[in-house]
Amino acid sequence: SMPLIFLGKMLGLPLERKHRTAFLDWHEDLLSLAEAKDWRIFYVG
């Protein structure tokens, strides 16, 4: 959540935009890595 990043920065915490890591932004990286590493995934939902 970028609002949490903004609030953290207001509180003096060294949070940056890169620390906002929404699942939709990195799920493709995870799936590609899982494919390359032969990791098994079980999805429920």
All heavy atoms as atom14 arrays in JSON, in Angstrom:
{
  "sequence": "SMPLIFLGKMLGLPLERKHRTAFLDWHEDLLSLAEAKDWRIFYVG",
  "atom14_mask": [
    [1, 1, 1, 1, 1, 1, 0, 0, 0, 0, 0, 0, 0, 0],
    [1, 1, 1, 1, 1, 1, 1, 1, 0, 0, 0, 0, 0, 0],
    [1, 1, 1, 1, 1, 1, 1, 0, 0, 0, 0, 0, 0, 0],
    [1, 1, 1, 1, 1, 1, 1, 1, 0, 0, 0, 0, 0, 0],
    [1, 1, 1, 1, 1, 1, 1, 1, 0, 0, 0, 0, 0, 0],
    [1, 1, 1, 1, 1, 1, 1, 1, 1, 1, 1, 0, 0, 0],
    [1, 1, 1, 1, 1, 1, 1, 1, 0, 0, 0, 0, 0, 0],
    [1, 1, 1, 1, 0, 0, 0, 0, 0, 0, 0, 0, 0, 0],
    [1, 1, 1, 1, 1, 1, 1, 1, 1, 0, 0, 0, 0, 0],
    [1, 1, 1, 1, 1, 1, 1, 1, 0, 0, 0, 0, 0, 0],
    [1, 1, 1, 1, 1, 1, 1, 1, 0, 0, 0, 0, 0, 0],
    [1, 1, 1, 1, 0, 0, 0, 0, 0, 0, 0, 0, 0, 0],
    [1, 1, 1, 1, 1, 1, 1, 1, 0, 0, 0, 0, 0, 0],
    [1, 1, 1, 1, 1, 1, 1, 0, 0, 0, 0, 0, 0, 0],
    [1, 1, 1, 1, 1, 1, 1, 1, 0, 0, 0, 0, 0, 0],
    [1, 1, 1, 1, 1, 1, 1, 1, 1, 0, 0, 0, 0, 0],
    [1, 1, 1, 1, 1, 1, 1, 1, 1, 1, 1, 0, 0, 0],
    [1, 1, 1, 1, 1, 1, 1, 1, 1, 0, 0, 0, 0, 0],
    [1, 1, 1, 1, 1, 1, 1, 1, 1, 1, 0, 0, 0, 0],
    [1, 1, 1, 1, 1, 1, 1, 1, 1, 1, 1, 0, 0, 0],
    [1, 1, 1, 1, 1, 1, 1, 0, 0, 0, 0, 0, 0, 0],
    [1, 1, 1, 1, 1, 0, 0, 0, 0, 0, 0, 0, 0, 0],
    [1, 1, 1, 1, 1, 1, 1, 1, 1, 1, 1, 0, 0, 0],
    [1, 1, 1, 1, 1, 1, 1, 1, 0, 0, 0, 0, 0, 0],
    [1, 1, 1, 1, 1, 1, 1, 1, 0, 0, 0, 0, 0, 0],
    [1, 1, 1, 1, 1, 1, 1, 1, 1, 1, 1, 1, 1, 1],
    [1, 1, 1, 1, 1, 1, 1, 1, 1, 1, 0, 0, 0, 0],
    [1, 1, 1, 1, 1, 1, 1, 1, 1, 0, 0, 0, 0, 0],
    [1, 1, 1, 1, 1, 1, 1, 1, 0, 0, 0, 0, 0, 0],
    [1, 1, 1, 1, 1, 1, 1, 1, 0, 0, 0, 0, 0, 0],
    [1, 1, 1, 1, 1, 1, 1, 1, 0, 0, 0, 0, 0, 0],
    [1, 1, 1, 1, 1, 1, 0, 0, 0, 0, 0, 0, 0, 0],
    [1, 1, 1, 1, 1, 1, 1, 1, 0, 0, 0, 0, 0, 0],
    [1, 1, 1, 1, 1, 0, 0, 0, 0, 0, 0, 0, 0, 0],
    [1, 1, 1, 1, 1, 1, 1, 1, 1, 0, 0, 0, 0, 0],
    [1, 1, 1, 1, 1, 0, 0, 0, 0, 0, 0, 0, 0, 0],
    [1, 1, 1, 1, 1, 1, 1, 1, 1, 0, 0, 0, 0, 0],
    [1, 1, 1, 1, 1, 1, 1, 1, 0, 0, 0, 0, 0, 0],
    [1, 1, 1, 1, 1, 1, 1, 1, 1, 1, 1, 1, 1, 1],
    [1, 1, 1, 1, 1, 1, 1, 1, 1, 1, 1, 0, 0, 0],
    [1, 1, 1, 1, 1, 1, 1, 1, 0, 0, 0, 0, 0, 0],
    [1, 1, 1, 1, 1, 1, 1, 1, 1, 1, 1, 0, 0, 0],
    [1, 1, 1, 1, 1, 1, 1, 1, 1, 1, 1, 1, 0, 0],
    [1, 1, 1, 1, 1, 1, 1, 0, 0, 0, 0, 0, 0, 0],
    [1, 1, 1, 1, 0, 0, 0, 0, 0, 0, 0, 0, 0, 0]
  ],
  "atom14_positions": [
    [[0.84, -1.19, 0.0], [0.0, 0.0, 0.0], [0.88, 1.25, 0.0], [1.65, 1.47, 0.94], [-0.89, 0.0, 1.25], [-1.45, 1.26, 1.5], [0.0, 0.0, 0.0], [0.0, 0.0, 0.0], [0.0, 0.0, 0.0], [0.0, 0.0, 0.0], [0.0, 0.0, 0.0], [0.0, 0.0, 0.0], [0.0, 0.0, 0.0], [0.0, 0.0, 0.0]],
    [[0.76, 2.07, -1.05], [1.51, 3.33, -1.05], [1.08, 4.27, 0.05], [1.91, 4.98, 0.61], [1.4, 4.01, -2.42], [2.4, 3.51, -3.45], [4.14, 3.51, -2.92], [4.4, 5.26, -2.61], [0.0, 0.0, 0.0], [0.0, 0.0, 0.0], [0.0, 0.0, 0.0], [0.0, 0.0, 0.0], [0.0, 0.0, 0.0], [0.0, 0.0, 0.0]],
    [[-0.22, 4.34, 0.42], [-0.56, 5.17, 1.58], [0.22, 4.8, 2.84], [0.61, 5.68, 3.61], [-2.07, 4.92, 1.75], [-2.55, 4.69, 0.36], [-1.45, 3.88, -0.29], [0.0, 0.0, 0.0], [0.0, 0.0, 0.0], [0.0, 0.0, 0.0], [0.0, 0.0, 0.0], [0.0, 0.0, 0.0], [0.0, 0.0, 0.0], [0.0, 0.0, 0.0]],
    [[0.48, 3.49, 3.05], [1.3, 3.1, 4.2], [2.73, 3.59, 4.05], [3.37, 4.0, 5.03], [1.29, 1.58, 4.38], [0.04, 0.95, 4.99], [0.28, -0.53, 5.23], [-0.35, 1.64, 6.29], [0.0, 0.0, 0.0], [0.0, 0.0, 0.0], [0.0, 0.0, 0.0], [0.0, 0.0, 0.0], [0.0, 0.0, 0.0], [0.0, 0.0, 0.0]],
    [[3.26, 3.54, 2.83], [4.61, 4.07, 2.59], [4.64, 5.56, 2.9], [5.56, 6.05, 3.57], [5.03, 3.82, 1.13], [5.09, 2.3, 0.84], [6.38, 4.47, 0.85], [6.14, 1.54, 1.58], [0.0, 0.0, 0.0], [0.0, 0.0, 0.0], [0.0, 0.0, 0.0], [0.0, 0.0, 0.0], [0.0, 0.0, 0.0], [0.0, 0.0, 0.0]],
    [[3.64, 6.3, 2.42], [3.58, 7.74, 2.68], [3.49, 8.03, 4.17], [4.18, 8.92, 4.69], [2.37, 8.36, 1.96], [2.45, 8.3, 0.46], [1.29, 8.2, -0.31], [3.67, 8.33, -0.2], [1.35, 8.14, -1.69], [3.74, 8.27, -1.59], [2.57, 8.18, -2.33], [0.0, 0.0, 0.0], [0.0, 0.0, 0.0], [0.0, 0.0, 0.0]],
    [[2.64, 7.29, 4.87], [2.5, 7.51, 6.32], [3.81, 7.19, 7.03], [4.21, 7.9, 7.96], [1.37, 6.64, 6.87], [-0.06, 7.06, 6.5], [-1.05, 6.02, 7.0], [-0.38, 8.43, 7.1], [0.0, 0.0, 0.0], [0.0, 0.0, 0.0], [0.0, 0.0, 0.0], [0.0, 0.0, 0.0], [0.0, 0.0, 0.0], [0.0, 0.0, 0.0]],
    [[4.45, 6.09, 6.63], [5.73, 5.74, 7.25], [6.78, 6.82, 7.06], [7.53, 7.15, 7.99], [0.0, 0.0, 0.0], [0.0, 0.0, 0.0], [0.0, 0.0, 0.0], [0.0, 0.0, 0.0], [0.0, 0.0, 0.0], [0.0, 0.0, 0.0], [0.0, 0.0, 0.0], [0.0, 0.0, 0.0], [0.0, 0.0, 0.0], [0.0, 0.0, 0.0]],
    [[6.84, 7.4, 5.86], [7.8, 8.47, 5.6], [7.47, 9.7, 6.45], [8.38, 10.37, 6.95], [7.79, 8.84, 4.12], [8.37, 7.75, 3.22], [8.24, 8.08, 1.75], [9.22, 9.19, 1.37], [10.61, 8.7, 1.42], [0.0, 0.0, 0.0], [0.0, 0.0, 0.0], [0.0, 0.0, 0.0], [0.0, 0.0, 0.0], [0.0, 0.0, 0.0]],
    [[6.18, 9.99, 6.64], [5.78, 11.1, 7.51], [6.24, 10.87, 8.95], [6.54, 11.82, 9.67], [4.27, 11.28, 7.47], [3.73, 11.83, 6.15], [1.92, 11.75, 6.09], [1.5, 12.78, 7.51], [0.0, 0.0, 0.0], [0.0, 0.0, 0.0], [0.0, 0.0, 0.0], [0.0, 0.0, 0.0], [0.0, 0.0, 0.0], [0.0, 0.0, 0.0]],
    [[6.3, 9.6, 9.34], [6.73, 9.24, 10.69], [8.24, 9.14, 10.82], [8.75, 8.8, 11.88], [6.08, 7.92, 11.1], [4.57, 7.97, 11.32], [3.98, 6.56, 11.35], [4.24, 8.72, 12.61], [0.0, 0.0, 0.0], [0.0, 0.0, 0.0], [0.0, 0.0, 0.0], [0.0, 0.0, 0.0], [0.0, 0.0, 0.0], [0.0, 0.0, 0.0]],
    [[8.96, 9.41, 9.75], [10.42, 9.37, 9.8], [11.03, 8.03, 9.5], [12.23, 7.83, 9.71], [0.0, 0.0, 0.0], [0.0, 0.0, 0.0], [0.0, 0.0, 0.0], [0.0, 0.0, 0.0], [0.0, 0.0, 0.0], [0.0, 0.0, 0.0], [0.0, 0.0, 0.0], [0.0, 0.0, 0.0], [0.0, 0.0, 0.0], [0.0, 0.0, 0.0]],
    [[10.23, 7.09, 8.98], [10.76, 5.77, 8.64], [11.38, 5.81, 7.24], [10.82, 6.44, 6.34], [9.65, 4.72, 8.69], [8.9, 4.58, 10.02], [7.82, 3.53, 9.88], [9.85, 4.23, 11.15], [0.0, 0.0, 0.0], [0.0, 0.0, 0.0], [0.0, 0.0, 0.0], [0.0, 0.0, 0.0], [0.0, 0.0, 0.0], [0.0, 0.0, 0.0]],
    [[12.48, 5.13, 7.02], [13.16, 5.16, 5.72], [12.51, 4.23, 4.7], [13.15, 3.34, 4.12], [14.58, 4.71, 6.06], [14.4, 3.79, 7.23], [13.26, 4.36, 8.03], [0.0, 0.0, 0.0], [0.0, 0.0, 0.0], [0.0, 0.0, 0.0], [0.0, 0.0, 0.0], [0.0, 0.0, 0.0], [0.0, 0.0, 0.0], [0.0, 0.0, 0.0]],
    [[11.23, 4.42, 4.47], [10.51, 3.62, 3.48], [10.56, 4.32, 2.13], [10.5, 5.54, 2.04], [9.06, 3.42, 3.91], [8.85, 2.66, 5.22], [7.36, 2.58, 5.56], [9.45, 1.27, 5.16], [0.0, 0.0, 0.0], [0.0, 0.0, 0.0], [0.0, 0.0, 0.0], [0.0, 0.0, 0.0], [0.0, 0.0, 0.0], [0.0, 0.0, 0.0]],
    [[10.67, 3.5, 1.06], [10.74, 4.04, -0.3], [9.67, 3.4, -1.16], [9.04, 2.42, -0.78], [12.13, 3.76, -0.89], [13.28, 4.29, -0.05], [14.63, 3.9, -0.62], [14.72, 3.73, -1.86], [15.58, 3.73, 0.16], [0.0, 0.0, 0.0], [0.0, 0.0, 0.0], [0.0, 0.0, 0.0], [0.0, 0.0, 0.0], [0.0, 0.0, 0.0]],
    [[9.48, 3.94, -2.37], [8.49, 3.4, -3.27], [8.76, 1.93, -3.59], [7.83, 1.14, -3.78], [8.46, 4.21, -4.58], [7.85, 5.59, -4.42], [7.8, 6.32, -5.76], [7.32, 7.68, -5.59], [6.04, 8.03, -5.61], [5.12, 7.1, -5.8], [5.68, 9.29, -5.44], [0.0, 0.0, 0.0], [0.0, 0.0, 0.0], [0.0, 0.0, 0.0]],
    [[10.03, 1.54, -3.63], [10.35, 0.14, -3.95], [9.85, -0.82, -2.89], [9.73, -2.03, -3.13], [11.86, -0.03, -4.13], [12.66, 0.13, -2.84], [14.14, -0.12, -3.08], [14.94, -0.02, -1.78], [16.38, -0.31, -2.01], [0.0, 0.0, 0.0], [0.0, 0.0, 0.0], [0.0, 0.0, 0.0], [0.0, 0.0, 0.0], [0.0, 0.0, 0.0]],
    [[9.55, -0.31, -1.68], [9.06, -1.17, -0.61], [7.56, -1.43, -0.72], [7.01, -2.19, 0.07], [9.38, -0.55, 0.75], [10.84, -0.47, 1.03], [11.45, 0.66, 1.53], [11.84, -1.38, 0.83], [12.75, 0.44, 1.65], [13.0, -0.79, 1.24], [0.0, 0.0, 0.0], [0.0, 0.0, 0.0], [0.0, 0.0, 0.0], [0.0, 0.0, 0.0]],
    [[6.91, -0.82, -1.69], [5.51, -1.13, -1.96], [5.51, -2.28, -2.97], [5.77, -2.1, -4.15], [4.79, 0.1, -2.51], [3.27, -0.08, -2.64], [2.88, -0.44, -4.04], [1.44, -0.43, -4.23], [0.84, -0.8, -5.35], [1.55, -1.21, -6.38], [-0.46, -0.77, -5.44], [0.0, 0.0, 0.0], [0.0, 0.0, 0.0], [0.0, 0.0, 0.0]],
    [[5.25, -3.49, -2.47], [5.42, -4.68, -3.3], [4.1, -5.43, -3.42], [3.94, -6.53, -2.89], [6.51, -5.6, -2.71], [6.21, -5.84, -1.32], [7.87, -4.97, -2.81], [0.0, 0.0, 0.0], [0.0, 0.0, 0.0], [0.0, 0.0, 0.0], [0.0, 0.0, 0.0], [0.0, 0.0, 0.0], [0.0, 0.0, 0.0], [0.0, 0.0, 0.0]],
    [[3.11, -4.83, -4.1], [1.82, -5.48, -4.29], [1.98, -6.78, -5.06], [2.78, -6.88, -5.99], [0.87, -4.54, -5.03], [0.0, 0.0, 0.0], [0.0, 0.0, 0.0], [0.0, 0.0, 0.0], [0.0, 0.0, 0.0], [0.0, 0.0, 0.0], [0.0, 0.0, 0.0], [0.0, 0.0, 0.0], [0.0, 0.0, 0.0], [0.0, 0.0, 0.0]],
    [[1.21, -7.79, -4.69], [1.35, -9.12, -5.28], [1.2, -9.09, -6.8], [1.9, -9.81, -7.52], [0.32, -10.07, -4.67], [0.51, -11.51, -5.07], [1.55, -12.25, -4.55], [-0.34, -12.11, -5.98], [1.75, -13.57, -4.93], [-0.16, -13.43, -6.36], [0.88, -14.16, -5.83], [0.0, 0.0, 0.0], [0.0, 0.0, 0.0], [0.0, 0.0, 0.0]],
    [[0.3, -8.27, -7.31], [0.12, -8.19, -8.75], [1.35, -7.66, -9.46], [1.52, -7.87, -10.66], [-1.09, -7.3, -9.1], [-2.46, -7.96, -8.98], [-3.56, -6.96, -9.35], [-2.57, -9.21, -9.84], [0.0, 0.0, 0.0], [0.0, 0.0, 0.0], [0.0, 0.0, 0.0], [0.0, 0.0, 0.0], [0.0, 0.0, 0.0], [0.0, 0.0, 0.0]],
    [[2.21, -6.96, -8.74], [3.42, -6.4, -9.35], [4.55, -7.42, -9.44], [5.49, -7.22, -10.21], [3.91, -5.18, -8.56], [2.97, -3.99, -8.7], [2.3, -3.89, -9.74], [2.89, -3.18, -7.75], [0.0, 0.0, 0.0], [0.0, 0.0, 0.0], [0.0, 0.0, 0.0], [0.0, 0.0, 0.0], [0.0, 0.0, 0.0], [0.0, 0.0, 0.0]],
    [[4.48, -8.5, -8.66], [5.6, -9.45, -8.67], [5.17, -10.9, -8.86], [6.02, -11.8, -8.87], [6.45, -9.33, -7.4], [5.72, -9.46, -6.09], [5.14, -8.47, -5.38], [5.51, -10.67, -5.32], [4.57, -8.98, -4.21], [4.8, -10.31, -4.17], [5.88, -12.0, -5.52], [4.42, -11.24, -3.19], [5.51, -12.94, -4.55], [4.79, -12.54, -3.41]],
    [[3.89, -11.15, -9.08], [3.46, -12.54, -9.22], [4.07, -13.19, -10.47], [4.39, -14.38, -10.45], [1.94, -12.64, -9.26], [1.31, -12.23, -10.55], [1.07, -10.91, -10.87], [0.91, -12.96, -11.63], [0.53, -10.85, -12.07], [0.42, -12.07, -12.56], [0.0, 0.0, 0.0], [0.0, 0.0, 0.0], [0.0, 0.0, 0.0], [0.0, 0.0, 0.0]],
    [[4.26, -12.43, -11.55], [4.87, -13.01, -12.75], [6.33, -13.4, -12.49], [6.79, -14.43, -12.98], [4.78, -12.03, -13.91], [3.36, -11.81, -14.42], [3.31, -10.87, -15.62], [4.35, -10.25, -15.92], [2.25, -10.77, -16.25], [0.0, 0.0, 0.0], [0.0, 0.0, 0.0], [0.0, 0.0, 0.0], [0.0, 0.0, 0.0], [0.0, 0.0, 0.0]],
    [[7.04, -12.57, -11.72], [8.42, -12.91, -11.36], [8.46, -14.19, -10.54], [9.34, -15.04, -10.74], [9.06, -11.76, -10.57], [9.22, -10.5, -11.39], [9.49, -10.61, -12.6], [9.06, -9.41, -10.83], [0.0, 0.0, 0.0], [0.0, 0.0, 0.0], [0.0, 0.0, 0.0], [0.0, 0.0, 0.0], [0.0, 0.0, 0.0], [0.0, 0.0, 0.0]],
    [[7.5, -14.32, -9.62], [7.46, -15.52, -8.78], [7.16, -16.76, -9.62], [7.82, -17.79, -9.48], [6.4, -15.36, -7.69], [6.18, -16.59, -6.8], [7.44, -16.92, -6.01], [4.99, -16.37, -5.87], [0.0, 0.0, 0.0], [0.0, 0.0, 0.0], [0.0, 0.0, 0.0], [0.0, 0.0, 0.0], [0.0, 0.0, 0.0], [0.0, 0.0, 0.0]],
    [[6.18, -16.67, -10.51], [5.81, -17.82, -11.32], [6.92, -18.21, -12.28], [7.19, -19.4, -12.49], [4.52, -17.52, -12.08], [3.27, -17.33, -11.22], [2.09, -16.88, -12.08], [2.92, -18.59, -10.45], [0.0, 0.0, 0.0], [0.0, 0.0, 0.0], [0.0, 0.0, 0.0], [0.0, 0.0, 0.0], [0.0, 0.0, 0.0], [0.0, 0.0, 0.0]],
    [[7.58, -17.22, -12.86], [8.71, -17.51, -13.76], [9.85, -18.17, -13.0], [10.48, -19.11, -13.5], [9.19, -16.23, -14.43], [8.18, -15.68, -15.26], [0.0, 0.0, 0.0], [0.0, 0.0, 0.0], [0.0, 0.0, 0.0], [0.0, 0.0, 0.0], [0.0, 0.0, 0.0], [0.0, 0.0, 0.0], [0.0, 0.0, 0.0], [0.0, 0.0, 0.0]],
    [[10.12, -17.68, -11.79], [11.18, -18.26, -10.97], [10.81, -19.69, -10.58], [11.66, -20.59, -10.6], [11.42, -17.4, -9.74], [12.58, -17.81, -8.82], [13.91, -17.75, -9.57], [12.62, -16.91, -7.58], [0.0, 0.0, 0.0], [0.0, 0.0, 0.0], [0.0, 0.0, 0.0], [0.0, 0.0, 0.0], [0.0, 0.0, 0.0], [0.0, 0.0, 0.0]],
    [[9.55, -19.9, -10.2], [9.1, -21.24, -9.83], [9.24, -22.2, -11.01], [9.64, -23.36, -10.84], [7.64, -21.19, -9.36], [0.0, 0.0, 0.0], [0.0, 0.0, 0.0], [0.0, 0.0, 0.0], [0.0, 0.0, 0.0], [0.0, 0.0, 0.0], [0.0, 0.0, 0.0], [0.0, 0.0, 0.0], [0.0, 0.0, 0.0], [0.0, 0.0, 0.0]],
    [[8.93, -21.73, -12.22], [9.08, -22.58, -13.4], [10.54, -22.92, -13.64], [10.89, -24.07, -13.92], [8.49, -21.87, -14.61], [8.53, -22.7, -15.89], [7.96, -21.95, -17.08], [8.15, -20.72, -17.14], [7.35, -22.59, -17.94], [0.0, 0.0, 0.0], [0.0, 0.0, 0.0], [0.0, 0.0, 0.0], [0.0, 0.0, 0.0], [0.0, 0.0, 0.0]],
    [[11.42, -21.92, -13.51], [12.85, -22.14, -13.76], [13.47, -23.05, -12.7], [14.37, -23.85, -13.01], [13.58, -20.8, -13.81], [0.0, 0.0, 0.0], [0.0, 0.0, 0.0], [0.0, 0.0, 0.0], [0.0, 0.0, 0.0], [0.0, 0.0, 0.0], [0.0, 0.0, 0.0], [0.0, 0.0, 0.0], [0.0, 0.0, 0.0], [0.0, 0.0, 0.0]],
    [[13.0, -22.93, -11.46], [13.58, -23.7, -10.35], [12.87, -25.03, -10.11], [13.25, -25.77, -9.21], [13.53, -22.86, -9.07], [14.33, -21.56, -9.11], [15.82, -21.8, -9.03], [16.59, -20.5, -8.93], [18.05, -20.74, -8.8], [0.0, 0.0, 0.0], [0.0, 0.0, 0.0], [0.0, 0.0, 0.0], [0.0, 0.0, 0.0], [0.0, 0.0, 0.0]],
    [[11.81, -25.29, -10.88], [11.03, -26.52, -10.72], [10.39, -26.61, -9.34], [10.35, -27.68, -8.73], [11.89, -27.76, -10.99], [11.03, -29.0, -11.25], [9.89, -28.85, -11.71], [11.51, -30.12, -10.97], [0.0, 0.0, 0.0], [0.0, 0.0, 0.0], [0.0, 0.0, 0.0], [0.0, 0.0, 0.0], [0.0, 0.0, 0.0], [0.0, 0.0, 0.0]],
    [[9.87, -25.47, -8.86], [9.15, -25.45, -7.6], [7.7, -25.88, -7.84], [7.09, -25.52, -8.85], [9.15, -24.05, -6.98], [10.51, -23.55, -6.58], [11.64, -24.27, -6.4], [10.84, -22.18, -6.32], [12.68, -23.44, -6.02], [12.22, -22.16, -5.97], [10.14, -20.99, -6.35], [12.88, -20.97, -5.65], [10.79, -19.8, -6.03], [12.16, -19.8, -5.68]],
    [[7.15, -26.61, -6.91], [5.76, -27.03, -6.98], [4.87, -26.03, -6.25], [5.16, -25.65, -5.11], [5.58, -28.43, -6.39], [6.29, -29.53, -7.17], [6.08, -30.9, -6.53], [6.47, -30.92, -5.13], [7.74, -31.03, -4.71], [8.73, -31.1, -5.59], [8.01, -31.05, -3.42], [0.0, 0.0, 0.0], [0.0, 0.0, 0.0], [0.0, 0.0, 0.0]],
    [[3.78, -25.64, -6.89], [2.83, -24.69, -6.31], [1.47, -25.35, -6.2], [1.0, -26.0, -7.14], [2.71, -23.41, -7.17], [4.07, -22.69, -7.27], [1.66, -22.47, -6.58], [4.03, -21.47, -8.17], [0.0, 0.0, 0.0], [0.0, 0.0, 0.0], [0.0, 0.0, 0.0], [0.0, 0.0, 0.0], [0.0, 0.0, 0.0], [0.0, 0.0, 0.0]],
    [[0.84, -25.19, -5.05], [-0.55, -25.63, -4.87], [-1.37, -24.38, -4.61], [-1.12, -23.64, -3.66], [-0.67, -26.59, -3.69], [-1.95, -27.4, -3.69], [-1.91, -28.77, -3.92], [-3.19, -26.8, -3.45], [-3.09, -29.52, -3.93], [-4.35, -27.53, -3.46], [-4.31, -28.9, -3.7], [0.0, 0.0, 0.0], [0.0, 0.0, 0.0], [0.0, 0.0, 0.0]],
    [[-2.35, -24.14, -5.48], [-3.19, -22.93, -5.35], [-4.57, -23.32, -4.82], [-5.22, -24.22, -5.35], [-3.33, -22.24, -6.7], [-4.17, -20.97, -6.62], [-3.58, -19.74, -6.36], [-5.55, -21.02, -6.79], [-4.35, -18.59, -6.25], [-6.33, -19.88, -6.68], [-5.72, -18.67, -6.42], [-6.48, -17.52, -6.3], [0.0, 0.0, 0.0], [0.0, 0.0, 0.0]],
    [[-5.01, -22.61, -3.77], [-6.34, -22.8, -3.21], [-7.08, -21.47, -3.28], [-6.64, -20.46, -2.72], [-6.29, -23.28, -1.75], [-7.7, -23.49, -1.2], [-5.48, -24.57, -1.63], [0.0, 0.0, 0.0], [0.0, 0.0, 0.0], [0.0, 0.0, 0.0], [0.0, 0.0, 0.0], [0.0, 0.0, 0.0], [0.0, 0.0, 0.0], [0.0, 0.0, 0.0]],
    [[-8.23, -21.46, -3.98], [-9.02, -20.24, -4.06], [-9.75, -20.14, -5.38], [-9.43, -20.84, -6.35], [0.0, 0.0, 0.0], [0.0, 0.0, 0.0], [0.0, 0.0, 0.0], [0.0, 0.0, 0.0], [0.0, 0.0, 0.0], [0.0, 0.0, 0.0], [0.0, 0.0, 0.0], [0.0, 0.0, 0.0], [0.0, 0.0, 0.0], [0.0, 0.0, 0.0]]
  ]
}
